[in-house]
C-alpha atoms as a PDB file:
ATOM      1  CA  MET A   1      -0.062   0.026  -0.015  1.00  0.00           C
ATOM      2  CA  ASN A   2       1.334   3.402  -0.971  1.00  0.00           C
ATOM      3  CA  LYS A   3       1.680   5.589   2.088  1.00  0.00           C
ATOM      4  CA  GLU A   4       1.185   8.637  -0.138  1.00  0.00           C
ATOM      5  CA  HIS A   5      -2.457   7.817  -0.555  1.00  0.00           C
ATOM      6  CA  GLN A   6      -4.650  10.344   1.180  1.00  0.00           C
ATOM      7  CA  ILE A   7      -7.755   9.587   3.198  1.00  0.00           C
ATOM      8  CA  THR A   8     -10.465  11.898   4.536  1.00  0.00           C
ATOM      9  CA  ALA A   9     -13.248  11.041   6.949  1.00  0.00           C
ATOM     10  CA  SER A  10     -16.456  12.727   8.107  1.00  0.00           C
ATOM     11  CA  ILE A  11     -18.348  12.234  11.366  1.00  0.00           C
ATOM     12  CA  VAL A  12     -21.669  13.826  12.075  1.00  0.00           C
ATOM     13  CA  LEU A  13     -22.169  14.737  15.776  1.00  0.00           C
ATOM     14  CA  TYR A  14     -25.296  15.459  17.866  1.00  0.00           C
ATOM     15  CA  ASN A  15     -24.937  15.649  21.653  1.00  0.00           C
ATOM     16  CA  GLN A  16     -22.280  12.971  21.487  1.00  0.00           C
ATOM     17  CA  ASN A  17     -20.689  11.098  24.395  1.00  0.00           C
ATOM     18  CA  ILE A  18     -17.254  12.647  24.423  1.00  0.00           C
ATOM     19  CA  ASN A  19     -15.373   9.676  25.773  1.00  0.00           C
ATOM     20  CA  VAL A  20     -16.851   7.378  23.091  1.00  0.00           C
ATOM     21  CA  LEU A  21     -16.202   9.939  20.394  1.00  0.00           C
ATOM     22  CA  LYS A  22     -12.516  10.379  21.422  1.00  0.00           C
ATOM     23  CA  LYS A  23     -11.947   6.571  20.825  1.00  0.00           C
ATOM     24  CA  THR A  24     -13.436   7.010  17.316  1.00  0.00           C
ATOM     25  CA  VAL A  25     -11.310  10.021  16.510  1.00  0.00           C
ATOM     26  CA  THR A  26      -8.158   8.380  17.926  1.00  0.00           C
ATOM     27  CA  SER A  27      -8.798   5.303  15.785  1.00  0.00           C
ATOM     28  CA  PHE A  28      -8.906   7.351  12.680  1.00  0.00           C
ATOM     29  CA  LEU A  29      -5.985   9.697  13.475  1.00  0.00           C
ATOM     30  CA  ASN A  30      -3.770   6.664  14.176  1.00  0.00           C
ATOM     31  CA  THR A  31      -4.041   5.535  10.569  1.00  0.00           C
ATOM     32  CA  PRO A  32      -0.629   5.575   8.864  1.00  0.00           C
ATOM     33  CA  PHE A  33      -1.636   7.869   5.887  1.00  0.00           C
ATOM     34  CA  LYS A  34      -1.999  11.459   5.046  1.00  0.00           C
ATOM     35  CA  LYS A  35      -5.405  12.291   6.496  1.00  0.00           C
ATOM     36  CA  LYS A  36      -8.018  14.860   7.420  1.00  0.00           C
ATOM     37  CA  LEU A  37     -11.036  14.403   9.631  1.00  0.00           C
ATOM     38  CA  PHE A  38     -14.159  16.554   9.290  1.00  0.00           C
ATOM     39  CA  LEU A  39     -16.282  16.824  12.471  1.00  0.00           C
ATOM     40  CA  ILE A  40     -19.685  18.186  11.522  1.00  0.00           C
ATOM     41  CA  ASP A  41     -21.484  19.167  14.753  1.00  0.00           C
ATOM     42  CA  ASN A  42     -25.282  19.400  14.627  1.00  0.00           C
ATOM     43  CA  SER A  43     -25.433  20.106  18.426  1.00  0.00           C
ATOM     44  CA  LYS A  44     -26.711  23.381  19.887  1.00  0.00           C
ATOM     45  CA  ASN A  45     -23.256  24.221  21.407  1.00  0.00           C
ATOM     46  CA  ASN A  46     -19.740  23.775  20.061  1.00  0.00           C
ATOM     47  CA  GLN A  47     -18.021  22.440  23.078  1.00  0.00           C
ATOM     48  CA  VAL A  48     -16.403  19.640  21.017  1.00  0.00           C
ATOM     49  CA  LYS A  49     -14.391  22.256  19.133  1.00  0.00           C
ATOM     50  CA  ASP A  50     -12.344  23.016  22.324  1.00  0.00           C
ATOM     51  CA  ILE A  51     -12.024  19.305  23.382  1.00  0.00           C
ATOM     52  CA  LEU A  52     -10.846  17.765  20.128  1.00  0.00           C
ATOM     53  CA  LYS A  53      -8.102  19.769  18.547  1.00  0.00           C
ATOM     54  CA  SER A  54      -5.623  18.709  15.965  1.00  0.00           C
ATOM     55  CA  ASN A  55      -4.035  19.963  12.716  1.00  0.00           C
ATOM     56  CA  GLU A  56      -5.703  16.960  11.040  1.00  0.00           C
ATOM     57  CA  ILE A  57      -9.239  17.935  12.229  1.00  0.00           C
ATOM     58  CA  GLU A  58     -11.484  20.488  10.692  1.00  0.00           C
ATOM     59  CA  TYR A  59     -14.487  21.357  12.855  1.00  0.00           C
ATOM     60  CA  VAL A  60     -17.774  22.445  11.193  1.00  0.00           C
ATOM     61  CA  PHE A  61     -20.464  23.856  13.456  1.00  0.00           C
ATOM     62  CA  THR A  62     -24.032  23.944  12.096  1.00  0.00           C
ATOM     63  CA  GLY A  63     -25.713  25.147  15.265  1.00  0.00           C
ATOM     64  CA  LYS A  64     -28.806  23.055  14.652  1.00  0.00           C
ATOM     65  CA  ASN A  65     -29.664  19.503  13.751  1.00  0.00           C
ATOM     66  CA  ILE A  66     -29.836  19.504   9.973  1.00  0.00           C
ATOM     67  CA  GLY A  67     -29.810  15.758   9.638  1.00  0.00           C
ATOM     68  CA  PHE A  68     -27.242  13.018   8.923  1.00  0.00           C
ATOM     69  CA  GLY A  69     -26.899  13.001   5.165  1.00  0.00           C
ATOM     70  CA  LYS A  70     -27.137  16.776   4.709  1.00  0.00           C
ATOM     71  CA  ALA A  71     -24.386  17.288   7.287  1.00  0.00           C
ATOM     72  CA  HIS A  72     -22.050  14.858   5.566  1.00  0.00           C
ATOM     73  CA  ASN A  73     -22.739  16.668   2.299  1.00  0.00           C
ATOM     74  CA  LEU A  74     -21.595  19.983   3.721  1.00  0.00           C
ATOM     75  CA  ILE A  75     -18.015  19.089   3.227  1.00  0.00           C
ATOM     76  CA  LEU A  76     -18.422  17.347  -0.165  1.00  0.00           C
ATOM     77  CA  ASN A  77     -16.591  20.091  -2.042  1.00  0.00           C
ATOM     78  CA  LYS A  78     -13.790  20.212   0.582  1.00  0.00           C
ATOM     79  CA  ILE A  79     -12.754  16.565   0.126  1.00  0.00           C
ATOM     80  CA  GLN A  80      -9.324  16.269  -1.506  1.00  0.00           C
ATOM     81  CA  SER A  81      -8.294  12.658  -1.125  1.00  0.00           C
ATOM     82  CA  ASP A  82      -8.095   9.269  -2.715  1.00  0.00           C
ATOM     83  CA  PHE A  83     -10.514   7.617  -0.122  1.00  0.00           C
ATOM     84  CA  HIS A  84     -13.272   9.017   2.007  1.00  0.00           C
ATOM     85  CA  LEU A  85     -14.621   7.372   5.013  1.00  0.00           C
ATOM     86  CA  ILE A  86     -18.274   7.921   6.320  1.00  0.00           C
ATOM     87  CA  LEU A  87     -17.822   7.173   9.992  1.00  0.00           C
ATOM     88  CA  ASN A  88     -20.183   6.983  13.002  1.00  0.00           C
ATOM     89  CA  PRO A  89     -19.103   8.595  16.226  1.00  0.00           C
ATOM     90  CA  ASP A  90     -19.358   5.370  18.172  1.00  0.00           C
ATOM     91  CA  VAL A  91     -16.929   3.101  16.275  1.00  0.00           C
ATOM     92  CA  ALA A  92     -13.440   1.907  17.291  1.00  0.00           C
ATOM     93  CA  PHE A  93     -10.901   0.129  15.174  1.00  0.00           C
ATOM     94  CA  SER A  94      -7.278  -0.806  14.743  1.00  0.00           C
ATOM     95  CA  PRO A  95      -5.565   1.586  12.367  1.00  0.00           C
ATOM     96  CA  ASP A  96      -4.118  -1.221  10.187  1.00  0.00           C
ATOM     97  CA  ILE A  97      -7.553  -2.273   8.921  1.00  0.00           C
ATOM     98  CA  ILE A  98      -7.576   0.785   6.662  1.00  0.00           C
ATOM     99  CA  SER A  99      -4.717  -0.587   4.594  1.00  0.00           C
ATOM    100  CA  ALA A 100      -6.489  -3.887   4.001  1.00  0.00           C
ATOM    101  CA  LEU A 101      -9.706  -2.104   2.929  1.00  0.00           C
ATOM    102  CA  MET A 102      -7.907   0.284   0.657  1.00  0.00           C
ATOM    103  CA  ASN A 103      -6.134  -2.599  -1.092  1.00  0.00           C
ATOM    104  CA  GLN A 104      -9.469  -4.174  -1.801  1.00  0.00           C
ATOM    105  CA  LEU A 105     -10.796  -1.036  -3.306  1.00  0.00           C
ATOM    106  CA  LEU A 106      -7.734  -0.624  -5.491  1.00  0.00           C
ATOM    107  CA  GLN A 107      -7.958  -4.208  -6.692  1.00  0.00           C
ATOM    108  CA  ASN A 108     -11.744  -3.994  -7.434  1.00  0.00           C
ATOM    109  CA  LYS A 109     -12.494  -1.188  -9.841  1.00  0.00           C
ATOM    110  CA  GLU A 110     -16.200  -1.988  -9.851  1.00  0.00           C
ATOM    111  CA  VAL A 111     -16.542  -1.448  -6.044  1.00  0.00           C
ATOM    112  CA  SER A 112     -17.514   2.045  -4.889  1.00  0.00           C
ATOM    113  CA  PHE A 113     -17.294   1.468  -1.100  1.00  0.00           C
ATOM    114  CA  ILE A 114     -16.248  -1.320   1.297  1.00  0.00           C
ATOM    115  CA  THR A 115     -17.296  -2.171   4.891  1.00  0.00           C
ATOM    116  CA  PRO A 116     -15.499  -4.534   7.288  1.00  0.00           C
ATOM    117  CA  LYS A 117     -17.119  -6.990   9.671  1.00  0.00           C
ATOM    118  CA  VAL A 118     -18.979  -5.048  12.362  1.00  0.00           C
ATOM    119  CA  ILE A 119     -19.158  -6.453  15.900  1.00  0.00           C
ATOM    120  CA  TYR A 120     -20.596  -5.281  19.189  1.00  0.00           C
ATOM    121  CA  PRO A 121     -18.423  -4.588  22.182  1.00  0.00           C
ATOM    122  CA  ASP A 122     -19.097  -8.076  23.436  1.00  0.00           C
ATOM    123  CA  LYS A 123     -17.594  -9.385  20.104  1.00  0.00           C
ATOM    124  CA  SER A 124     -21.021 -10.648  18.828  1.00  0.00           C
ATOM    125  CA  LEU A 125     -21.764  -9.980  15.158  1.00  0.00           C
ATOM    126  CA  GLN A 126     -23.816  -7.166  13.809  1.00  0.00           C
ATOM    127  CA  TYR A 127     -25.748  -8.093  10.758  1.00  0.00           C
ATOM    128  CA  VAL A 128     -25.184  -4.986   8.712  1.00  0.00           C
ATOM    129  CA  CYS A 129     -25.763  -6.507   5.231  1.00  0.00           C
ATOM    130  CA  ARG A 130     -29.279  -6.523   3.843  1.00  0.00           C
ATOM    131  CA  LYS A 131     -31.187  -7.043   0.714  1.00  0.00           C
ATOM    132  CA  HIS A 132     -32.595  -3.889  -0.787  1.00  0.00           C
ATOM    133  CA  PRO A 133     -35.489  -2.774   1.456  1.00  0.00           C
ATOM    134  CA  THR A 134     -39.041  -3.587   0.487  1.00  0.00           C
ATOM    135  CA  LEU A 135     -42.135  -2.505   2.301  1.00  0.00           C
ATOM    136  CA  PHE A 136     -43.044  -6.126   3.084  1.00  0.00           C
ATOM    137  CA  ASN A 137     -39.490  -6.991   4.397  1.00  0.00           C
ATOM    138  CA  LEU A 138     -39.480  -3.813   6.574  1.00  0.00           C
ATOM    139  CA  ILE A 139     -42.815  -4.807   8.142  1.00  0.00           C
ATOM    140  CA  ASN A 140     -41.785  -8.409   8.456  1.00  0.00           C
ATOM    141  CA  ARG A 141     -38.464  -7.485  10.168  1.00  0.00           C
ATOM    142  CA  ASN A 142     -40.346  -5.447  12.855  1.00  0.00           C
ATOM    143  CA  LEU A 143     -43.227  -7.731  13.398  1.00  0.00           C
ATOM    144  CA  LYS A 144     -41.248 -11.020  12.937  1.00  0.00           C
ATOM    145  CA  ILE A 145     -44.039 -12.724  11.083  1.00  0.00           C
ATOM    146  CA  PHE A 146     -41.828 -14.873   8.819  1.00  0.00           C
ATOM    147  CA  LYS A 147     -38.586 -15.356  10.750  1.00  0.00           C
ATOM    148  CA  ARG A 148     -36.842 -17.437   8.043  1.00  0.00           C
ATOM    149  CA  LEU A 149     -37.459 -14.737   5.504  1.00  0.00           C
ATOM    150  CA  ALA A 150     -36.175 -12.014   7.848  1.00  0.00           C
ATOM    151  CA  LEU A 151     -33.004 -13.945   8.409  1.00  0.00           C
ATOM    152  CA  LYS A 152     -32.527 -14.532   4.684  1.00  0.00           C
ATOM    153  CA  ASN A 153     -32.948 -10.813   4.110  1.00  0.00           C
ATOM    154  CA  GLN A 154     -29.914 -10.330   6.336  1.00  0.00           C
ATOM    155  CA  TYR A 155     -27.929 -12.875   4.326  1.00  0.00           C
ATOM    156  CA  ARG A 156     -27.801 -15.265   7.208  1.00  0.00           C
ATOM    157  CA  ASN A 157     -28.245 -18.111   4.708  1.00  0.00           C
ATOM    158  CA  ARG A 158     -24.598 -17.666   3.570  1.00  0.00           C
ATOM    159  CA  ASP A 159     -21.109 -17.780   5.047  1.00  0.00           C
ATOM    160  CA  LEU A 160     -20.605 -14.253   6.428  1.00  0.00           C
ATOM    161  CA  ASN A 161     -16.923 -14.897   7.058  1.00  0.00           C
ATOM    162  CA  LYS A 162     -16.259 -14.599   3.338  1.00  0.00           C
ATOM    163  CA  PRO A 163     -16.355 -11.329   1.336  1.00  0.00           C
ATOM    164  CA  PHE A 164     -19.257 -10.759  -0.990  1.00  0.00           C
ATOM    165  CA  TYR A 165     -21.348  -8.028  -2.669  1.00  0.00           C
ATOM    166  CA  PRO A 166     -24.620  -7.378  -0.753  1.00  0.00           C
ATOM    167  CA  ASP A 167     -27.363  -5.094  -1.983  1.00  0.00           C
ATOM    168  CA  PHE A 168     -27.152  -2.735   0.980  1.00  0.00           C
ATOM    169  CA  ILE A 169     -24.874  -2.202   3.984  1.00  0.00           C
ATOM    170  CA  HIS A 170     -25.786  -0.117   7.027  1.00  0.00           C
ATOM    171  CA  GLY A 171     -23.605   3.006   7.078  1.00  0.00           C
ATOM    172  CA  CYS A 172     -21.643   3.055  10.239  1.00  0.00           C
ATOM    173  CA  PHE A 173     -18.344   2.623   8.368  1.00  0.00           C
ATOM    174  CA  MET A 174     -18.298   3.153   4.674  1.00  0.00           C
ATOM    175  CA  LEU A 175     -14.895   3.576   2.965  1.00  0.00           C
ATOM    176  CA  PHE A 176     -15.471   5.106  -0.470  1.00  0.00           C
ATOM    177  CA  LYS A 177     -13.262   5.866  -3.406  1.00  0.00           C
ATOM    178  CA  THR A 178     -13.633   9.602  -3.067  1.00  0.00           C
ATOM    179  CA  GLU A 179     -14.228  10.098  -6.782  1.00  0.00           C
ATOM    180  CA  ASP A 180     -17.230   7.658  -6.575  1.00  0.00           C
ATOM    181  CA  PHE A 181     -18.716   9.408  -3.589  1.00  0.00           C
ATOM    182  CA  LYS A 182     -18.473  12.734  -5.391  1.00  0.00           C
ATOM    183  CA  ILE A 183     -20.026  11.301  -8.584  1.00  0.00           C
ATOM    184  CA  LEU A 184     -22.968  10.138  -6.439  1.00  0.00           C
ATOM    185  CA  ASN A 185     -23.247  13.649  -5.049  1.00  0.00           C
ATOM    186  CA  GLY A 186     -23.178  12.316  -1.497  1.00  0.00           C
ATOM    187  CA  PHE A 187     -26.434  11.505   0.252  1.00  0.00           C
ATOM    188  CA  ASP A 188     -29.942  12.459  -0.709  1.00  0.00           C
ATOM    189  CA  LYS A 189     -30.622  15.339   1.719  1.00  0.00           C
ATOM    190  CA  ARG A 190     -34.353  14.660   1.783  1.00  0.00           C
ATOM    191  CA  TYR A 191     -33.734  12.004   4.415  1.00  0.00           C
ATOM    192  CA  PHE A 192     -33.279  13.617   7.836  1.00  0.00           C
ATOM    193  CA  LEU A 193     -32.257  10.399   9.626  1.00  0.00           C
ATOM    194  CA  TYR A 194     -32.461   6.694   8.566  1.00  0.00           C
ATOM    195  CA  MET A 195     -32.587   5.153   5.115  1.00  0.00           C
ATOM    196  CA  GLU A 196     -30.051   7.455   3.561  1.00  0.00           C
ATOM    197  CA  ASP A 197     -27.535   4.651   3.421  1.00  0.00           C
ATOM    198  CA  ALA A 198     -30.004   2.333   1.758  1.00  0.00           C
ATOM    199  CA  ASP A 199     -30.767   5.082  -0.759  1.00  0.00           C
ATOM    200  CA  LEU A 200     -27.086   5.529  -1.496  1.00  0.00           C
ATOM    201  CA  CYS A 201     -26.626   1.777  -2.061  1.00  0.00           C
ATOM    202  CA  ARG A 202     -29.564   1.891  -4.510  1.00  0.00           C
ATOM    203  CA  LYS A 203     -27.832   4.660  -6.453  1.00  0.00           C
ATOM    204  CA  ILE A 204     -24.592   2.679  -6.608  1.00  0.00           C
ATOM    205  CA  ASP A 205     -26.516  -0.335  -7.836  1.00  0.00           C
ATOM    206  CA  ARG A 206     -28.174   1.722 -10.531  1.00  0.00           C
ATOM    207  CA  SER A 207     -24.816   3.120 -11.609  1.00  0.00           C
ATOM    208  CA  GLY A 208     -23.574  -0.373 -12.423  1.00  0.00           C
ATOM    209  CA  LYS A 209     -21.093  -0.516  -9.549  1.00  0.00           C
ATOM    210  CA  LYS A 210     -21.026  -2.610  -6.316  1.00  0.00           C
ATOM    211  CA  ILE A 211     -20.491  -2.415  -2.605  1.00  0.00           C
ATOM    212  CA  MET A 212     -18.284  -4.905  -0.774  1.00  0.00           C
ATOM    213  CA  TYR A 213     -18.521  -6.583   2.671  1.00  0.00           C
ATOM    214  CA  PHE A 214     -15.002  -7.574   3.730  1.00  0.00           C
ATOM    215  CA  PRO A 215     -15.112  -9.556   6.996  1.00  0.00           C
ATOM    216  CA  GLU A 216     -11.343 -10.367   7.157  1.00  0.00           C
ATOM    217  CA  VAL A 217     -10.953  -7.271   9.300  1.00  0.00           C
ATOM    218  CA  ASN A 218     -13.406  -5.890  11.865  1.00  0.00           C
ATOM    219  CA  ILE A 219     -14.545  -2.793  13.719  1.00  0.00           C
ATOM    220  CA  ILE A 220     -16.365  -2.361  17.003  1.00  0.00           C
ATOM    221  CA  HIS A 221     -19.715  -0.446  16.869  1.00  0.00           C
ATOM    222  CA  GLN A 222     -21.783   0.584  19.921  1.00  0.00           C
ATOM    223  CA  HIS A 223     -24.937   0.344  17.943  1.00  0.00           C
ATOM    224  CA  GLN A 224     -27.800   1.912  19.989  1.00  0.00           C
ATOM    225  CA  LYS A 225     -30.853   1.001  17.829  1.00  0.00           C
ATOM    226  CA  GLY A 226     -32.307   4.341  18.700  1.00  0.00           C
ATOM    227  CA  SER A 227     -35.550   4.091  16.691  1.00  0.00           C
ATOM    228  CA  PHE A 228     -36.588   1.131  18.845  1.00  0.00           C
ATOM    229  CA  LYS A 229     -36.120   3.202  22.031  1.00  0.00           C
ATOM    230  CA  SER A 230     -37.488   6.599  21.104  1.00  0.00           C
ATOM    231  CA  LEU A 231     -40.882   7.436  19.775  1.00  0.00           C
ATOM    232  CA  LYS A 232     -39.498  10.496  18.014  1.00  0.00           C
ATOM    233  CA  LEU A 233     -36.789   8.557  16.270  1.00  0.00           C
ATOM    234  CA  PHE A 234     -39.289   5.851  15.377  1.00  0.00           C
ATOM    235  CA  PHE A 235     -41.337   8.490  13.484  1.00  0.00           C
ATOM    236  CA  TYR A 236     -38.155   9.734  11.779  1.00  0.00           C
ATOM    237  CA  HIS A 237     -37.617   6.182  10.617  1.00  0.00           C
ATOM    238  CA  ILE A 238     -41.167   5.845   9.296  1.00  0.00           C
ATOM    239  CA  SER A 239     -40.871   9.232   7.477  1.00  0.00           C
ATOM    240  CA  SER A 240     -37.613   8.217   5.829  1.00  0.00           C
ATOM    241  CA  ALA A 241     -39.075   4.822   4.809  1.00  0.00           C
ATOM    242  CA  ILE A 242     -42.018   6.531   3.090  1.00  0.00           C
ATOM    243  CA  LYS A 243     -39.677   8.775   1.166  1.00  0.00           C
ATOM    244  CA  TYR A 244     -37.538   5.804   0.228  1.00  0.00           C
ATOM    245  CA  PHE A 245     -40.385   3.734  -1.184  1.00  0.00           C
ATOM    246  CA  LEU A 246     -41.964   6.690  -2.966  1.00  0.00           C
ATOM    247  CA  LYS A 247     -38.584   7.194  -4.694  1.00  0.00           C
ATOM    248  CA  TRP A 248     -37.615   3.552  -5.417  1.00  0.00           C
ATOM    249  CA  GLY A 249     -40.947   1.664  -5.378  1.00  0.00           C
ATOM    250  CA  PHE A 250     -42.515  -0.642  -2.874  1.00  0.00           C
ATOM    251  CA  ARG A 251     -40.919  -3.907  -4.102  1.00  0.00           C
END
């Protein structure tokens, strides 16, 4: 791997746990490449600016919650790199995994972004790969009517220890070829929260390119499943799902 390759990353913040965020930031800043991290803060105060300072960090304060995708898109024209990482603020990883993921992107010209194996802090597997969402599968996943179908929709019928090209990968850690991310024009800003990663995967599929799940390296994600715990977040999820299916169809 050429150490001259440049990587950027963006993290969208909203009232983040600082100790958890520090681990994520440290994980990225320890990568052995030329790098720049954009922290886009949707919180009402800018206290993070004074806590996390580095020549490799650019802090962007919005002053209000403008949403996940729209916040990531704010720095789209600032990205000057070979690779760009969409990163959640509650992820930790070994810096050497970036090299392995970059190598895969360089070897696979048809792949727009790559995601490693994602595990919980207790080392159990997070099933981040999905078939493209359909209205039926979304209802079935929440109500658990047909359990076998729900499991198949998460690719649990295949060996998840081997790399493959799923339809859709949840976006806690998406390493893009920067050029591809810019061609896609980032996220669809109509989604405030949820489904924007599914939408982006649809756009990649329509462009004739692929996304890759690469479980030979892993990251730790403290996934909170917020929409199952908060009525407000649940309604955000429903709103995004309606926008998604109106755009892409219900099948």
